[in-house]
N, C-alpha and C. Protein backbone atom coordinates (compact mmCIF):
# COMPACT_ATOMS: atom_id res chain seq x y z
N MET A 1 26.73 -0.78 19.60
CA MET A 1 25.65 -0.13 18.89
C MET A 1 25.48 -0.78 17.52
N PHE A 2 24.25 -0.87 17.08
CA PHE A 2 23.94 -1.47 15.79
C PHE A 2 24.54 -0.61 14.68
N PRO A 3 25.37 -1.17 13.78
CA PRO A 3 26.09 -0.36 12.79
C PRO A 3 25.19 0.34 11.77
N LEU A 4 23.98 -0.17 11.55
CA LEU A 4 23.11 0.44 10.55
C LEU A 4 22.18 1.49 11.13
N THR A 5 22.32 1.80 12.41
CA THR A 5 21.42 2.77 13.04
C THR A 5 21.48 4.11 12.34
N GLY A 6 22.67 4.57 12.00
CA GLY A 6 22.81 5.85 11.30
C GLY A 6 22.12 5.84 9.95
N CYS A 7 22.20 4.72 9.24
CA CYS A 7 21.54 4.60 7.93
C CYS A 7 20.02 4.68 8.09
N PHE A 8 19.49 3.96 9.09
CA PHE A 8 18.04 3.98 9.30
C PHE A 8 17.57 5.36 9.73
N ASN A 9 18.36 6.05 10.54
CA ASN A 9 17.99 7.41 10.94
C ASN A 9 17.97 8.35 9.75
N ARG A 10 18.91 8.20 8.85
CA ARG A 10 18.95 9.03 7.64
C ARG A 10 17.75 8.72 6.75
N ILE A 11 17.43 7.44 6.58
CA ILE A 11 16.28 7.05 5.76
C ILE A 11 14.99 7.58 6.39
N ALA A 12 14.89 7.48 7.71
CA ALA A 12 13.70 7.98 8.41
C ALA A 12 13.54 9.48 8.19
N ALA A 13 14.62 10.22 8.25
CA ALA A 13 14.55 11.67 8.04
C ALA A 13 14.18 12.01 6.61
N ASP A 14 14.72 11.25 5.65
CA ASP A 14 14.44 11.51 4.24
C ASP A 14 13.01 11.17 3.84
N THR A 15 12.43 10.15 4.47
CA THR A 15 11.10 9.68 4.06
C THR A 15 9.99 10.15 4.99
N ALA A 16 10.30 10.95 5.99
CA ALA A 16 9.29 11.37 6.97
C ALA A 16 8.15 12.16 6.31
N GLY A 17 8.45 12.94 5.31
CA GLY A 17 7.42 13.72 4.64
C GLY A 17 6.46 12.89 3.82
N GLN A 18 6.88 11.70 3.40
CA GLN A 18 6.03 10.84 2.58
C GLN A 18 5.36 9.72 3.38
N ARG A 19 5.62 9.64 4.68
CA ARG A 19 4.98 8.62 5.51
C ARG A 19 3.55 9.06 5.81
N PRO A 20 2.56 8.24 5.48
CA PRO A 20 1.16 8.63 5.71
C PRO A 20 0.77 8.51 7.18
N SER A 21 1.24 9.44 7.99
CA SER A 21 1.01 9.42 9.43
C SER A 21 -0.36 9.98 9.77
N VAL A 22 -0.78 9.75 11.00
CA VAL A 22 -2.08 10.22 11.49
C VAL A 22 -2.12 11.75 11.42
N GLY A 23 -3.23 12.25 10.86
CA GLY A 23 -3.45 13.69 10.76
C GLY A 23 -3.02 14.31 9.45
N LYS A 24 -2.28 13.58 8.61
CA LYS A 24 -1.83 14.14 7.34
C LYS A 24 -2.91 14.01 6.27
N ARG A 25 -2.91 14.96 5.33
CA ARG A 25 -3.82 14.91 4.18
C ARG A 25 -3.19 14.05 3.11
N VAL A 26 -3.96 13.15 2.52
CA VAL A 26 -3.45 12.24 1.49
C VAL A 26 -4.43 12.19 0.32
N ARG A 27 -3.90 11.76 -0.83
CA ARG A 27 -4.71 11.52 -2.02
C ARG A 27 -4.46 10.07 -2.44
N ILE A 28 -5.50 9.36 -2.80
CA ILE A 28 -5.37 7.97 -3.22
C ILE A 28 -5.03 7.94 -4.70
N ASP A 29 -3.97 7.19 -5.05
CA ASP A 29 -3.48 7.13 -6.42
C ASP A 29 -3.94 5.89 -7.18
N ARG A 30 -4.23 4.81 -6.47
CA ARG A 30 -4.62 3.57 -7.11
C ARG A 30 -5.79 2.95 -6.36
N GLY A 31 -6.54 2.13 -7.07
CA GLY A 31 -7.62 1.40 -6.43
C GLY A 31 -8.99 1.96 -6.74
N ARG A 32 -9.95 1.46 -6.00
CA ARG A 32 -11.35 1.79 -6.24
C ARG A 32 -11.67 3.26 -5.99
N ARG A 33 -11.01 3.86 -5.04
CA ARG A 33 -11.29 5.26 -4.69
C ARG A 33 -10.18 6.19 -5.18
N LYS A 34 -9.73 5.96 -6.39
CA LYS A 34 -8.67 6.77 -6.98
C LYS A 34 -9.08 8.24 -7.03
N HIS A 35 -8.14 9.15 -6.73
CA HIS A 35 -8.29 10.60 -6.74
C HIS A 35 -9.09 11.15 -5.56
N VAL A 36 -9.46 10.31 -4.59
CA VAL A 36 -10.16 10.80 -3.40
C VAL A 36 -9.12 11.34 -2.42
N GLU A 37 -9.42 12.47 -1.82
CA GLU A 37 -8.54 13.07 -0.81
C GLU A 37 -9.20 12.98 0.55
N GLY A 38 -8.36 12.85 1.58
CA GLY A 38 -8.89 12.77 2.93
C GLY A 38 -7.78 12.89 3.96
N THR A 39 -8.15 12.71 5.22
CA THR A 39 -7.22 12.81 6.34
C THR A 39 -7.01 11.43 6.94
N VAL A 40 -5.76 11.11 7.28
CA VAL A 40 -5.43 9.81 7.86
C VAL A 40 -5.87 9.78 9.32
N LEU A 41 -6.70 8.78 9.66
CA LEU A 41 -7.15 8.60 11.04
C LEU A 41 -6.30 7.57 11.78
N ARG A 42 -5.88 6.51 11.06
CA ARG A 42 -5.07 5.45 11.65
C ARG A 42 -4.05 4.97 10.64
N HIS A 43 -2.91 4.52 11.14
CA HIS A 43 -1.82 3.99 10.31
C HIS A 43 -1.31 2.74 11.01
N LEU A 44 -1.70 1.56 10.50
CA LEU A 44 -1.40 0.30 11.18
C LEU A 44 -0.81 -0.73 10.22
N ARG A 45 -0.10 -1.69 10.78
CA ARG A 45 0.41 -2.82 10.00
C ARG A 45 -0.77 -3.63 9.48
N ASN A 46 -0.69 -4.07 8.23
CA ASN A 46 -1.74 -4.86 7.61
C ASN A 46 -1.75 -6.26 8.22
N PRO A 47 -2.80 -6.64 8.94
CA PRO A 47 -2.83 -7.96 9.57
C PRO A 47 -3.04 -9.11 8.57
N PHE A 48 -3.44 -8.79 7.35
CA PHE A 48 -3.74 -9.82 6.36
C PHE A 48 -2.56 -10.13 5.45
N GLU A 49 -1.47 -9.39 5.58
CA GLU A 49 -0.31 -9.59 4.71
C GLU A 49 0.82 -10.24 5.49
N ARG A 50 1.39 -11.26 4.91
CA ARG A 50 2.51 -11.93 5.57
C ARG A 50 3.76 -11.07 5.45
N GLN A 51 4.53 -11.05 6.50
CA GLN A 51 5.73 -10.23 6.55
C GLN A 51 6.95 -11.11 6.32
N TYR A 52 7.44 -11.15 5.09
CA TYR A 52 8.63 -11.91 4.76
C TYR A 52 9.85 -11.00 4.77
N GLY A 53 11.01 -11.58 4.95
CA GLY A 53 12.24 -10.81 4.84
C GLY A 53 13.08 -10.91 6.10
N SER A 54 14.27 -10.34 6.01
CA SER A 54 15.20 -10.35 7.13
C SER A 54 14.80 -9.31 8.17
N ASP A 55 15.50 -9.31 9.28
CA ASP A 55 15.23 -8.33 10.33
C ASP A 55 15.49 -6.91 9.84
N ALA A 56 16.52 -6.74 9.02
CA ALA A 56 16.83 -5.42 8.48
C ALA A 56 15.71 -4.94 7.56
N GLN A 57 15.16 -5.83 6.75
CA GLN A 57 14.06 -5.45 5.88
C GLN A 57 12.82 -5.09 6.69
N GLN A 58 12.57 -5.82 7.76
CA GLN A 58 11.43 -5.51 8.62
C GLN A 58 11.60 -4.13 9.26
N MET A 59 12.81 -3.82 9.72
CA MET A 59 13.07 -2.51 10.32
C MET A 59 12.89 -1.39 9.30
N LEU A 60 13.33 -1.63 8.07
CA LEU A 60 13.18 -0.64 7.01
C LEU A 60 11.71 -0.38 6.71
N ARG A 61 10.90 -1.44 6.69
CA ARG A 61 9.46 -1.28 6.48
C ARG A 61 8.83 -0.48 7.61
N GLU A 62 9.28 -0.70 8.84
CA GLU A 62 8.77 0.06 9.97
C GLU A 62 9.11 1.55 9.82
N VAL A 63 10.32 1.83 9.38
CA VAL A 63 10.78 3.22 9.25
C VAL A 63 10.00 3.94 8.15
N ILE A 64 9.84 3.29 7.01
CA ILE A 64 9.17 3.93 5.87
C ILE A 64 7.65 3.95 6.05
N GLY A 65 7.08 2.87 6.58
CA GLY A 65 5.66 2.84 6.89
C GLY A 65 4.73 2.75 5.71
N ARG A 66 5.16 2.12 4.64
CA ARG A 66 4.30 2.00 3.47
C ARG A 66 3.98 0.53 3.15
N TYR A 67 4.97 -0.24 2.71
CA TYR A 67 4.72 -1.63 2.33
C TYR A 67 4.30 -2.44 3.55
N GLY A 68 3.16 -3.11 3.46
CA GLY A 68 2.67 -3.92 4.56
C GLY A 68 1.85 -3.13 5.58
N TYR A 69 1.48 -1.90 5.24
CA TYR A 69 0.69 -1.06 6.15
C TYR A 69 -0.61 -0.64 5.47
N ARG A 70 -1.60 -0.33 6.29
CA ARG A 70 -2.88 0.19 5.82
C ARG A 70 -3.17 1.48 6.57
N VAL A 71 -3.91 2.35 5.93
CA VAL A 71 -4.32 3.60 6.57
C VAL A 71 -5.84 3.72 6.51
N GLN A 72 -6.41 4.24 7.59
CA GLN A 72 -7.83 4.54 7.61
C GLN A 72 -7.97 6.01 7.28
N ILE A 73 -8.77 6.29 6.27
CA ILE A 73 -8.91 7.66 5.76
C ILE A 73 -10.34 8.13 5.96
N GLU A 74 -10.46 9.40 6.34
CA GLU A 74 -11.77 10.03 6.45
C GLU A 74 -11.87 11.09 5.36
N SER A 75 -12.86 10.93 4.50
CA SER A 75 -13.09 11.86 3.41
C SER A 75 -14.49 12.46 3.57
N PRO A 76 -14.64 13.75 3.34
CA PRO A 76 -15.97 14.37 3.47
C PRO A 76 -16.99 13.76 2.50
N SER A 77 -16.55 13.37 1.32
CA SER A 77 -17.50 12.86 0.32
C SER A 77 -17.68 11.35 0.36
N HIS A 78 -16.71 10.59 0.89
CA HIS A 78 -16.78 9.13 0.85
C HIS A 78 -16.82 8.48 2.23
N GLY A 79 -16.80 9.24 3.30
CA GLY A 79 -16.85 8.67 4.64
C GLY A 79 -15.49 8.14 5.08
N THR A 80 -15.51 7.08 5.90
CA THR A 80 -14.30 6.49 6.44
C THR A 80 -14.07 5.13 5.80
N PHE A 81 -12.83 4.86 5.39
CA PHE A 81 -12.50 3.59 4.74
C PHE A 81 -11.02 3.31 4.89
N TRP A 82 -10.63 2.05 4.64
CA TRP A 82 -9.23 1.61 4.73
C TRP A 82 -8.65 1.45 3.32
N VAL A 83 -7.34 1.73 3.19
CA VAL A 83 -6.64 1.57 1.91
C VAL A 83 -5.18 1.24 2.22
N ASP A 84 -4.51 0.54 1.29
CA ASP A 84 -3.09 0.24 1.47
C ASP A 84 -2.29 1.54 1.48
N ALA A 85 -1.29 1.59 2.35
CA ALA A 85 -0.47 2.80 2.46
C ALA A 85 0.36 3.03 1.19
N ASP A 86 0.63 1.98 0.42
CA ASP A 86 1.36 2.14 -0.84
C ASP A 86 0.55 2.90 -1.88
N ASN A 87 -0.77 2.94 -1.72
CA ASN A 87 -1.63 3.54 -2.73
C ASN A 87 -1.94 5.01 -2.48
N VAL A 88 -1.31 5.63 -1.49
CA VAL A 88 -1.62 7.03 -1.19
C VAL A 88 -0.38 7.91 -1.37
N THR A 89 -0.63 9.19 -1.63
CA THR A 89 0.41 10.20 -1.69
C THR A 89 0.10 11.26 -0.65
N VAL A 90 1.10 11.63 0.13
CA VAL A 90 0.92 12.68 1.13
C VAL A 90 0.93 14.03 0.44
N LEU A 91 -0.05 14.85 0.75
CA LEU A 91 -0.16 16.18 0.13
C LEU A 91 0.59 17.22 0.93
């Protein structure tokens, strides 16, 4: 068994509330649409960003789901748009 599995499971449990998953309400903290709130429609890896780092770093990014990810947000006032997952806070 992979020795770091327990560590990744603990990190996943600790950060699950802050992962901008589908269906969660979020507020944008940085960027053009700062202070806009909406619902996450999609949570995907950013195809335009290169993924550098070791296998362990890649696994950690998968678990946390922020760096290197984008979310599609639906807002009643601004419609549907994409934003980096690092720029949102889960409400």
